[in-house]
Protein backbone atom coordinates (compact mmCIF):
# COMPACT_ATOMS: atom_id res chain seq x y z
CA UNK A 1 0.00 0.00 0.00
CA UNK A 2 1.18 3.51 -0.65
CA UNK A 3 0.70 6.50 1.61
CA UNK A 4 -2.71 7.96 1.01
CA UNK A 5 -4.16 4.55 0.17
CA UNK A 6 -7.10 3.03 2.01
CA UNK A 7 -6.74 1.48 5.43
CA UNK A 8 -7.63 -2.21 5.25
CA UNK A 9 -8.18 -4.28 8.38
CA UNK A 10 -7.23 -7.96 8.15
CA UNK A 11 -8.75 -10.15 10.86
CA UNK A 12 -7.24 -13.55 11.65
CA UNK A 13 -10.76 -14.71 12.36
CA UNK A 14 -10.39 -18.20 13.78
CA UNK A 15 -11.12 -17.78 17.50
CA UNK A 16 -10.96 -13.96 17.34
CA UNK A 17 -13.08 -12.59 20.20
CA UNK A 18 -13.19 -8.98 18.95
CA UNK A 19 -14.71 -9.25 15.47
CA UNK A 20 -17.75 -7.17 16.49
CA UNK A 21 -15.47 -4.46 17.86
CA UNK A 22 -13.49 -4.44 14.60
CA UNK A 23 -16.72 -4.00 12.64
CA UNK A 24 -17.83 -1.11 14.88
CA UNK A 25 -14.56 0.79 14.56
CA UNK A 26 -14.30 0.07 10.83
CA UNK A 27 -17.81 1.35 10.21
CA UNK A 28 -17.11 4.53 12.20
CA UNK A 29 -13.98 5.28 10.15
CA UNK A 30 -15.12 3.88 6.79
CA UNK A 31 -12.51 1.12 6.65
CA UNK A 32 -12.53 -2.06 4.57
CA UNK A 33 -12.37 -5.31 6.57
CA UNK A 34 -11.20 -8.71 5.36
CA UNK A 35 -12.18 -11.53 7.71
CA UNK A 36 -9.90 -14.49 6.96
CA UNK A 37 -10.62 -18.04 8.13
CA UNK A 38 -10.15 -21.68 7.15
CA UNK A 39 -13.89 -22.32 7.20
CA UNK A 40 -16.97 -20.21 6.48
CA UNK A 41 -17.93 -17.96 9.38
CA UNK A 42 -20.79 -15.53 9.67
CA UNK A 43 -20.00 -11.89 8.96
CA UNK A 44 -22.37 -8.94 8.68
CA UNK A 45 -23.66 -8.31 5.16
CA UNK A 46 -21.97 -5.01 4.53
CA UNK A 47 -20.20 -3.97 1.35
CA UNK A 48 -17.07 -3.01 3.31
CA UNK A 49 -16.72 -6.45 4.97
CA UNK A 50 -15.32 -9.31 2.92
CA UNK A 51 -15.26 -12.89 4.18
CA UNK A 52 -12.20 -14.71 2.85
CA UNK A 53 -12.26 -18.49 3.21
CA UNK A 54 -8.87 -20.08 2.54
CA UNK A 55 -8.15 -23.76 2.12
CA UNK A 56 -7.61 -25.98 5.13
CA UNK A 57 -4.09 -26.41 6.37
CA UNK A 58 -1.64 -25.03 8.86
CA UNK A 59 -0.85 -21.34 8.40
CA UNK A 60 -2.89 -20.95 5.18
CA UNK A 61 -4.90 -18.05 6.63
CA UNK A 62 -1.72 -16.57 8.11
CA UNK A 63 0.02 -16.78 4.74
CA UNK A 64 -2.93 -15.10 2.99
CA UNK A 65 -2.85 -12.20 5.45
CA UNK A 66 0.94 -11.87 5.51
CA UNK A 67 1.12 -11.74 1.71
CA UNK A 68 -1.28 -8.77 1.59
CA UNK A 69 -0.75 -6.73 4.75
CA UNK A 70 1.77 -3.93 4.61
CA UNK A 71 2.07 -0.25 5.42
CA UNK A 72 -1.38 1.26 5.92
CA UNK A 73 -2.96 -2.04 6.94
CA UNK A 74 -4.14 -3.12 10.38
CA UNK A 75 -3.85 -6.79 11.31
CA UNK A 76 -5.79 -8.24 14.25
CA UNK A 77 -4.31 -11.52 15.45
CA UNK A 78 -3.34 -13.42 18.59
CA UNK A 79 -0.87 -15.47 16.52
CA UNK A 80 2.62 -14.23 17.44
CA UNK A 81 4.45 -15.64 14.37
CA UNK A 82 1.86 -13.99 12.11
CA UNK A 83 2.22 -10.76 14.08
CA UNK A 84 5.99 -10.91 13.53
CA UNK A 85 5.51 -11.32 9.79
CA UNK A 86 3.03 -8.45 9.50
CA UNK A 87 5.09 -6.10 11.69
CA UNK A 88 8.08 -6.83 9.45
CA UNK A 89 5.92 -5.98 6.42
CA UNK A 90 5.03 -2.63 7.98
CA UNK A 91 1.44 -3.34 9.06
CA UNK A 92 0.01 -2.03 12.31
CA UNK A 93 -0.62 -5.21 14.28
CA UNK A 94 -2.88 -5.64 17.31
CA UNK A 95 -3.73 -8.54 19.57
CA UNK A 96 -7.38 -9.00 20.61
CA UNK A 97 -6.43 -7.91 24.14
CA UNK A 98 -5.27 -4.52 22.84
CA UNK A 99 -1.55 -5.26 22.83
CA UNK A 100 0.14 -3.34 20.03
CA UNK A 101 2.93 -5.26 18.32
CA UNK A 102 5.67 -3.15 16.78
CA UNK A 103 9.34 -3.47 15.86
CA UNK A 104 10.30 -2.80 19.49
CA UNK A 105 8.04 -5.42 21.08
CA UNK A 106 7.63 -8.24 18.58
CA UNK A 107 11.07 -9.76 19.16
CA UNK A 108 10.42 -10.34 22.85
CA UNK A 109 6.90 -11.62 22.17
CA UNK A 110 8.22 -14.10 19.60
CA UNK A 111 11.08 -15.22 21.88
CA UNK A 112 8.67 -15.79 24.77
CA UNK A 113 6.27 -17.71 22.55
CA UNK A 114 9.09 -19.89 21.22
CA UNK A 115 10.43 -20.54 24.74
CA UNK A 116 6.98 -21.65 25.94
CA UNK A 117 6.63 -23.86 22.87
CA UNK A 118 10.03 -25.46 23.61
CA UNK A 119 9.03 -26.07 27.25
CA UNK A 120 5.78 -27.75 26.15
CA UNK A 121 7.63 -29.82 23.52
CA UNK A 122 10.00 -31.06 26.23
CA UNK A 123 7.03 -32.22 28.33
CA UNK A 124 6.87 -29.23 30.62
CA UNK A 125 3.64 -27.61 31.63
CA UNK A 126 2.87 -23.97 31.03
CA UNK A 127 -0.16 -21.88 31.77
CA UNK A 128 -2.27 -20.83 28.86
CA UNK A 129 -3.19 -17.24 28.24
CA UNK A 130 -5.46 -15.58 30.79
CA UNK A 131 -9.19 -15.70 30.11
CA UNK A 132 -10.43 -12.95 27.81
CA UNK A 133 -12.09 -10.27 29.94
CA UNK A 134 -14.13 -7.10 29.50
CA UNK A 135 -11.02 -5.00 30.17
CA UNK A 136 -9.33 -6.75 27.21
CA UNK A 137 -12.22 -5.76 24.95
CA UNK A 138 -11.96 -2.18 26.17
CA UNK A 139 -8.18 -2.14 25.70
CA UNK A 140 -8.62 -3.48 22.17
CA UNK A 141 -11.12 -0.74 21.28
CA UNK A 142 -8.71 1.91 22.57
CA UNK A 143 -5.75 0.41 20.70
CA UNK A 144 -7.76 0.08 17.48
CA UNK A 145 -8.92 3.69 17.68
CA UNK A 146 -5.38 4.89 18.41
CA UNK A 147 -4.01 2.86 15.50
CA UNK A 148 -6.58 4.13 13.00
CA UNK A 149 -5.90 7.73 14.02
CA UNK A 150 -2.14 7.21 13.78
CA UNK A 151 -2.52 5.81 10.24
CA UNK A 152 -4.81 8.67 9.23
CA UNK A 153 -2.25 11.21 10.50
CA UNK A 154 0.36 9.37 8.39
CA UNK A 155 -1.77 9.95 5.28
CA UNK A 156 -3.67 6.66 4.96
CA UNK A 157 -7.39 6.30 4.65
CA UNK A 158 -7.82 9.40 2.57
């Protein structure tokens, strides 16, 4: 995407708890949304929301998003490796709990994720992520609003 281009929101939709919040913010700002999943999921019938169903398989949805998201895009995902790919491509990347991934934070997030994966692979037990709470939904809405406004100030969405 070039500066001045539209802001497109890519949602890694499998198990995403904030799809309704994405739709609300996107409607308010006039953004296009692409909801990407491995199987058909219900999305509102709006011309600015596109449901993208990719083939089954590991990382197929991630690959679809990563190949398209770049500067001026917003990616919503809880998948740390996908977040690392989209941050590297220049996309604004948010977790459903409102965490903003950027060049300064993605390295640590990826290292922590890989460490936990190694511990589990070695037979160790780790705690899963905390339960999604109302404060996470609120933090996401704030982060999404902040991100859209930052991109608009940078010349996107015009």
